[in-house]
Amino acid sequence: AEITKEELLSYPQVRFTQDGNNFPYFYEDLIEIPDQETVIYTSDRGTLMNIVLETDAYASGSGIVIGGIREHLRLIPLAEGELNEFYIIYSAKRPLSEIAQRFIKELTRLLDQQN
C-alpha cells in the first residue's frame, strides 16, 4: 500500500531539524506539501517519535528505522516518492579507515534487511 500527498493534508506533520533557525536545506524531511495546515518542528528525535506515537501526526524522511520502535510505527511508502540512493564520499588520496569500512558493512546489512 502507498499513500499520496493529498491523503496527508488533513494530518499534522512533524519535522525534525538540526538547526534552530529551521532553514529548509537542513530539513531531513523530503516531502514538501505547500498546503499543509499544521507543521510541528522539533530538534529532538525523541520528541518527534512521541508526537507521532501519541497523536495523529505523521513524519517522513530518509532515515533508517530499526529496533523496537519499528513495531510501533506504520511505514508507508509515498505514492509519488523518489528512489533514495546512498553514496559514500571519501578522499581518493587515502584508503577508508577500518571503522569506516565496518560502518559501510553494517549500513549495507541494515539496508538489505529493510528490503
N, C-alpha and C. Protein backbone atom coordinates (compact mmCIF):
# COMPACT_ATOMS: atom_id res chain seq x y z
N ALA A 1 0.84 -1.19 0.00
CA ALA A 1 0.00 0.00 0.00
C ALA A 1 0.88 1.25 0.00
N GLU A 2 0.41 2.26 -0.66
CA GLU A 2 1.10 3.55 -0.71
C GLU A 2 0.14 4.65 -0.28
N ILE A 3 0.68 5.82 0.02
CA ILE A 3 -0.14 6.97 0.41
C ILE A 3 0.24 8.16 -0.46
N THR A 4 -0.73 9.02 -0.73
CA THR A 4 -0.46 10.20 -1.56
C THR A 4 -0.32 11.44 -0.67
N LYS A 5 0.27 12.48 -1.23
CA LYS A 5 0.40 13.75 -0.50
C LYS A 5 -0.97 14.30 -0.14
N GLU A 6 -1.93 14.14 -1.04
CA GLU A 6 -3.28 14.66 -0.80
C GLU A 6 -3.90 13.98 0.43
N GLU A 7 -3.64 12.70 0.62
CA GLU A 7 -4.18 11.98 1.77
C GLU A 7 -3.57 12.46 3.08
N LEU A 8 -2.39 13.05 3.02
CA LEU A 8 -1.70 13.52 4.23
C LEU A 8 -2.12 14.92 4.65
N LEU A 9 -2.77 15.68 3.77
CA LEU A 9 -3.08 17.08 4.03
C LEU A 9 -3.85 17.34 5.32
N SER A 10 -4.74 16.46 5.70
CA SER A 10 -5.58 16.73 6.88
C SER A 10 -4.89 16.36 8.19
N TYR A 11 -3.68 15.82 8.12
CA TYR A 11 -2.95 15.43 9.33
C TYR A 11 -1.81 16.39 9.61
N PRO A 12 -1.49 16.65 10.89
CA PRO A 12 -0.33 17.47 11.19
C PRO A 12 0.96 16.73 10.83
N GLN A 13 1.93 17.47 10.39
CA GLN A 13 3.22 16.90 10.02
C GLN A 13 4.26 17.31 11.06
N VAL A 14 5.11 16.37 11.48
CA VAL A 14 6.20 16.66 12.40
C VAL A 14 7.49 16.62 11.60
N ARG A 15 8.29 17.67 11.73
CA ARG A 15 9.56 17.75 11.01
C ARG A 15 10.71 17.87 11.98
N PHE A 16 11.76 17.10 11.71
CA PHE A 16 12.98 17.16 12.51
C PHE A 16 13.95 18.11 11.82
N THR A 17 14.53 19.00 12.59
CA THR A 17 15.55 19.89 12.05
C THR A 17 16.72 19.93 13.03
N GLN A 18 17.92 19.97 12.49
CA GLN A 18 19.11 20.04 13.34
C GLN A 18 19.53 21.47 13.58
N ASP A 19 18.82 22.41 13.00
CA ASP A 19 19.20 23.81 13.10
C ASP A 19 18.06 24.59 13.72
N GLY A 20 18.33 25.40 14.72
CA GLY A 20 17.30 26.17 15.39
C GLY A 20 16.61 27.20 14.51
N ASN A 21 17.21 27.56 13.39
CA ASN A 21 16.61 28.56 12.51
C ASN A 21 15.66 27.96 11.49
N ASN A 22 15.57 26.63 11.43
CA ASN A 22 14.67 25.93 10.52
C ASN A 22 14.90 26.28 9.06
N PHE A 23 16.14 26.40 8.65
CA PHE A 23 16.43 26.62 7.24
C PHE A 23 16.05 25.38 6.45
N PRO A 24 15.37 25.54 5.32
CA PRO A 24 14.89 24.38 4.55
C PRO A 24 15.98 23.40 4.15
N TYR A 25 17.21 23.86 3.91
CA TYR A 25 18.24 22.93 3.47
C TYR A 25 18.79 22.07 4.60
N PHE A 26 18.34 22.27 5.83
CA PHE A 26 18.73 21.40 6.93
C PHE A 26 17.64 20.38 7.26
N TYR A 27 16.51 20.44 6.58
CA TYR A 27 15.42 19.50 6.85
C TYR A 27 15.85 18.10 6.49
N GLU A 28 15.42 17.15 7.29
CA GLU A 28 15.61 15.75 6.95
C GLU A 28 14.34 15.19 6.34
N ASP A 29 13.32 16.00 6.25
CA ASP A 29 12.05 15.59 5.67
C ASP A 29 12.09 15.88 4.18
N LEU A 30 11.83 14.87 3.39
CA LEU A 30 11.96 15.02 1.94
C LEU A 30 10.65 15.41 1.26
N ILE A 31 9.56 15.49 2.02
CA ILE A 31 8.27 15.83 1.43
C ILE A 31 7.97 17.30 1.68
N GLU A 32 7.67 18.01 0.64
CA GLU A 32 7.24 19.40 0.77
C GLU A 32 5.79 19.46 0.33
N ILE A 33 4.90 19.79 1.26
CA ILE A 33 3.47 19.90 0.96
C ILE A 33 3.06 21.34 1.24
N PRO A 34 2.99 22.18 0.20
CA PRO A 34 2.72 23.61 0.40
C PRO A 34 1.41 23.91 1.13
N ASP A 35 0.39 23.07 0.95
CA ASP A 35 -0.91 23.33 1.56
C ASP A 35 -1.07 22.72 2.95
N GLN A 36 0.01 22.19 3.50
CA GLN A 36 -0.04 21.54 4.82
C GLN A 36 -0.50 22.56 5.86
N GLU A 37 -1.57 22.25 6.58
CA GLU A 37 -2.13 23.19 7.55
C GLU A 37 -1.29 23.32 8.82
N THR A 38 -0.83 22.20 9.36
CA THR A 38 -0.09 22.22 10.62
C THR A 38 1.23 21.51 10.45
N VAL A 39 2.32 22.23 10.76
CA VAL A 39 3.65 21.64 10.74
C VAL A 39 4.29 21.91 12.10
N ILE A 40 4.76 20.86 12.74
CA ILE A 40 5.41 20.96 14.05
C ILE A 40 6.89 20.71 13.84
N TYR A 41 7.74 21.65 14.26
CA TYR A 41 9.19 21.49 14.13
C TYR A 41 9.78 21.09 15.47
N THR A 42 10.69 20.14 15.44
CA THR A 42 11.40 19.76 16.66
C THR A 42 12.85 19.45 16.33
N SER A 43 13.71 19.73 17.27
CA SER A 43 15.13 19.41 17.08
C SER A 43 15.52 18.21 17.95
N ASP A 44 14.51 17.48 18.43
CA ASP A 44 14.75 16.33 19.30
C ASP A 44 14.03 15.11 18.72
N ARG A 45 14.78 14.08 18.38
CA ARG A 45 14.18 12.88 17.76
C ARG A 45 13.21 12.17 18.71
N GLY A 46 13.50 12.16 20.00
CA GLY A 46 12.61 11.53 20.96
C GLY A 46 11.25 12.22 20.99
N THR A 47 11.27 13.55 20.95
CA THR A 47 10.02 14.32 20.91
C THR A 47 9.26 14.00 19.64
N LEU A 48 9.95 13.95 18.52
CA LEU A 48 9.30 13.62 17.24
C LEU A 48 8.60 12.27 17.35
N MET A 49 9.30 11.26 17.86
CA MET A 49 8.71 9.92 17.97
C MET A 49 7.51 9.92 18.90
N ASN A 50 7.60 10.62 20.03
CA ASN A 50 6.47 10.67 20.97
C ASN A 50 5.27 11.35 20.35
N ILE A 51 5.47 12.42 19.60
CA ILE A 51 4.35 13.09 18.93
C ILE A 51 3.70 12.15 17.94
N VAL A 52 4.51 11.46 17.14
CA VAL A 52 3.96 10.53 16.15
C VAL A 52 3.22 9.37 16.83
N LEU A 53 3.77 8.84 17.90
CA LEU A 53 3.15 7.70 18.57
C LEU A 53 1.88 8.06 19.34
N GLU A 54 1.78 9.31 19.83
CA GLU A 54 0.67 9.68 20.71
C GLU A 54 -0.39 10.57 20.06
N THR A 55 -0.21 10.94 18.80
CA THR A 55 -1.18 11.80 18.11
C THR A 55 -1.46 11.22 16.72
N ASP A 56 -2.24 11.96 15.93
CA ASP A 56 -2.48 11.52 14.55
C ASP A 56 -1.51 12.21 13.58
N ALA A 57 -0.45 12.80 14.10
CA ALA A 57 0.56 13.44 13.26
C ALA A 57 1.42 12.37 12.57
N TYR A 58 2.05 12.79 11.48
CA TYR A 58 2.95 11.89 10.77
C TYR A 58 4.29 12.59 10.57
N ALA A 59 5.29 11.79 10.29
CA ALA A 59 6.62 12.30 9.96
C ALA A 59 7.09 11.54 8.73
N SER A 60 7.98 12.15 7.99
CA SER A 60 8.57 11.46 6.85
C SER A 60 10.05 11.82 6.82
N GLY A 61 10.79 11.08 6.05
CA GLY A 61 12.21 11.37 5.97
C GLY A 61 12.98 10.25 5.33
N SER A 62 14.27 10.42 5.33
CA SER A 62 15.14 9.44 4.68
C SER A 62 15.85 8.55 5.70
N GLY A 63 15.45 8.61 6.94
CA GLY A 63 16.12 7.84 7.98
C GLY A 63 15.85 6.35 7.90
N ILE A 64 16.66 5.59 8.60
CA ILE A 64 16.50 4.15 8.70
C ILE A 64 15.88 3.85 10.05
N VAL A 65 14.76 3.14 10.07
CA VAL A 65 14.06 2.82 11.31
C VAL A 65 14.36 1.37 11.66
N ILE A 66 15.04 1.17 12.80
CA ILE A 66 15.38 -0.18 13.24
C ILE A 66 15.04 -0.32 14.72
N GLY A 67 15.13 -1.52 15.20
CA GLY A 67 14.93 -1.77 16.62
C GLY A 67 13.47 -1.85 17.02
N GLY A 68 13.22 -1.78 18.32
CA GLY A 68 11.90 -1.97 18.88
C GLY A 68 10.87 -0.95 18.45
N ILE A 69 11.29 0.26 18.13
CA ILE A 69 10.34 1.31 17.75
C ILE A 69 9.61 0.95 16.45
N ARG A 70 10.26 0.17 15.60
CA ARG A 70 9.69 -0.19 14.30
C ARG A 70 8.33 -0.87 14.44
N GLU A 71 8.16 -1.70 15.47
CA GLU A 71 6.90 -2.42 15.63
C GLU A 71 5.75 -1.50 16.05
N HIS A 72 6.04 -0.28 16.48
CA HIS A 72 5.01 0.66 16.90
C HIS A 72 4.65 1.67 15.81
N LEU A 73 5.32 1.60 14.68
CA LEU A 73 5.11 2.55 13.59
C LEU A 73 4.57 1.85 12.36
N ARG A 74 3.82 2.59 11.56
CA ARG A 74 3.43 2.11 10.24
C ARG A 74 4.28 2.88 9.24
N LEU A 75 5.08 2.17 8.50
CA LEU A 75 5.95 2.78 7.49
C LEU A 75 5.30 2.57 6.14
N ILE A 76 4.77 3.65 5.56
CA ILE A 76 4.01 3.57 4.32
C ILE A 76 4.74 4.37 3.24
N PRO A 77 5.06 3.76 2.11
CA PRO A 77 5.74 4.49 1.04
C PRO A 77 4.85 5.58 0.44
N LEU A 78 5.46 6.66 0.04
CA LEU A 78 4.75 7.74 -0.64
C LEU A 78 4.55 7.34 -2.10
N ALA A 79 3.31 7.48 -2.59
CA ALA A 79 2.97 7.02 -3.94
C ALA A 79 3.85 7.65 -5.01
N GLU A 80 4.08 8.94 -4.90
CA GLU A 80 4.89 9.62 -5.92
C GLU A 80 6.31 9.89 -5.42
N GLY A 81 6.76 9.06 -4.50
CA GLY A 81 8.07 9.24 -3.88
C GLY A 81 9.23 8.92 -4.82
N GLU A 82 10.33 9.57 -4.55
CA GLU A 82 11.56 9.34 -5.30
C GLU A 82 12.32 8.16 -4.71
N LEU A 83 13.13 7.53 -5.52
CA LEU A 83 14.01 6.47 -5.05
C LEU A 83 15.18 7.10 -4.31
N ASN A 84 15.43 6.65 -3.10
CA ASN A 84 16.58 7.15 -2.33
C ASN A 84 17.81 6.34 -2.66
N GLU A 85 18.93 7.01 -2.77
CA GLU A 85 20.19 6.35 -3.01
C GLU A 85 21.21 6.84 -2.01
N PHE A 86 22.05 5.94 -1.54
CA PHE A 86 23.13 6.29 -0.63
C PHE A 86 24.44 6.29 -1.40
N TYR A 87 25.24 7.30 -1.15
CA TYR A 87 26.57 7.37 -1.75
C TYR A 87 27.58 7.57 -0.64
N ILE A 88 28.73 6.99 -0.81
CA ILE A 88 29.81 7.16 0.15
C ILE A 88 30.88 8.00 -0.53
N ILE A 89 31.18 9.13 0.08
CA ILE A 89 32.16 10.05 -0.48
C ILE A 89 33.35 10.11 0.46
N TYR A 90 34.51 9.87 -0.08
CA TYR A 90 35.73 9.93 0.73
C TYR A 90 36.90 10.31 -0.16
N SER A 91 37.98 10.67 0.46
CA SER A 91 39.17 11.13 -0.25
C SER A 91 39.79 10.00 -1.07
N ALA A 92 40.12 10.30 -2.30
CA ALA A 92 40.81 9.32 -3.15
C ALA A 92 42.29 9.22 -2.79
N LYS A 93 42.75 10.13 -1.94
CA LYS A 93 44.17 10.16 -1.58
C LYS A 93 44.53 9.20 -0.45
N ARG A 94 43.51 8.66 0.23
CA ARG A 94 43.83 7.72 1.30
C ARG A 94 42.70 6.69 1.43
N PRO A 95 43.03 5.50 1.87
CA PRO A 95 42.00 4.45 1.98
C PRO A 95 41.07 4.71 3.16
N LEU A 96 39.92 4.08 3.11
CA LEU A 96 38.98 4.18 4.22
C LEU A 96 39.56 3.51 5.46
N SER A 97 39.30 4.10 6.61
CA SER A 97 39.77 3.50 7.87
C SER A 97 39.00 2.20 8.13
N GLU A 98 39.52 1.44 9.06
CA GLU A 98 38.86 0.18 9.43
C GLU A 98 37.45 0.44 9.97
N ILE A 99 37.30 1.48 10.78
CA ILE A 99 35.98 1.77 11.34
C ILE A 99 35.01 2.24 10.25
N ALA A 100 35.50 2.99 9.27
CA ALA A 100 34.65 3.41 8.15
C ALA A 100 34.20 2.19 7.35
N GLN A 101 35.10 1.26 7.12
CA GLN A 101 34.75 0.04 6.39
C GLN A 101 33.70 -0.77 7.15
N ARG A 102 33.85 -0.85 8.49
CA ARG A 102 32.87 -1.57 9.30
C ARG A 102 31.51 -0.87 9.26
N PHE A 103 31.53 0.47 9.30
CA PHE A 103 30.29 1.24 9.22
C PHE A 103 29.57 0.95 7.91
N ILE A 104 30.29 0.97 6.81
CA ILE A 104 29.69 0.71 5.50
C ILE A 104 29.11 -0.70 5.45
N LYS A 105 29.84 -1.66 5.99
CA LYS A 105 29.36 -3.04 6.01
C LYS A 105 28.07 -3.16 6.82
N GLU A 106 28.03 -2.51 7.99
CA GLU A 106 26.84 -2.57 8.85
C GLU A 106 25.67 -1.83 8.21
N LEU A 107 25.92 -0.69 7.61
CA LEU A 107 24.86 0.06 6.92
C LEU A 107 24.29 -0.77 5.78
N THR A 108 25.15 -1.41 5.02
CA THR A 108 24.70 -2.27 3.92
C THR A 108 23.83 -3.40 4.46
N ARG A 109 24.24 -4.01 5.56
CA ARG A 109 23.46 -5.09 6.17
C ARG A 109 22.08 -4.59 6.60
N LEU A 110 22.02 -3.43 7.24
CA LEU A 110 20.74 -2.87 7.68
C LEU A 110 19.83 -2.56 6.51
N LEU A 111 20.39 -1.98 5.46
CA LEU A 111 19.58 -1.65 4.28
C LEU A 111 19.08 -2.91 3.59
N ASP A 112 19.89 -3.95 3.55
CA ASP A 112 19.46 -5.21 2.95
C ASP A 112 18.30 -5.82 3.74
N GLN A 113 18.30 -5.65 5.07
CA GLN A 113 17.21 -6.16 5.91
C GLN A 113 15.90 -5.42 5.63
N GLN A 114 15.99 -4.15 5.25
CA GLN A 114 14.80 -3.34 5.01
C GLN A 114 14.08 -3.76 3.73
N ASN A 115 14.79 -4.36 2.82
CA ASN A 115 14.20 -4.73 1.52
C ASN A 115 13.60 -6.08 1.52
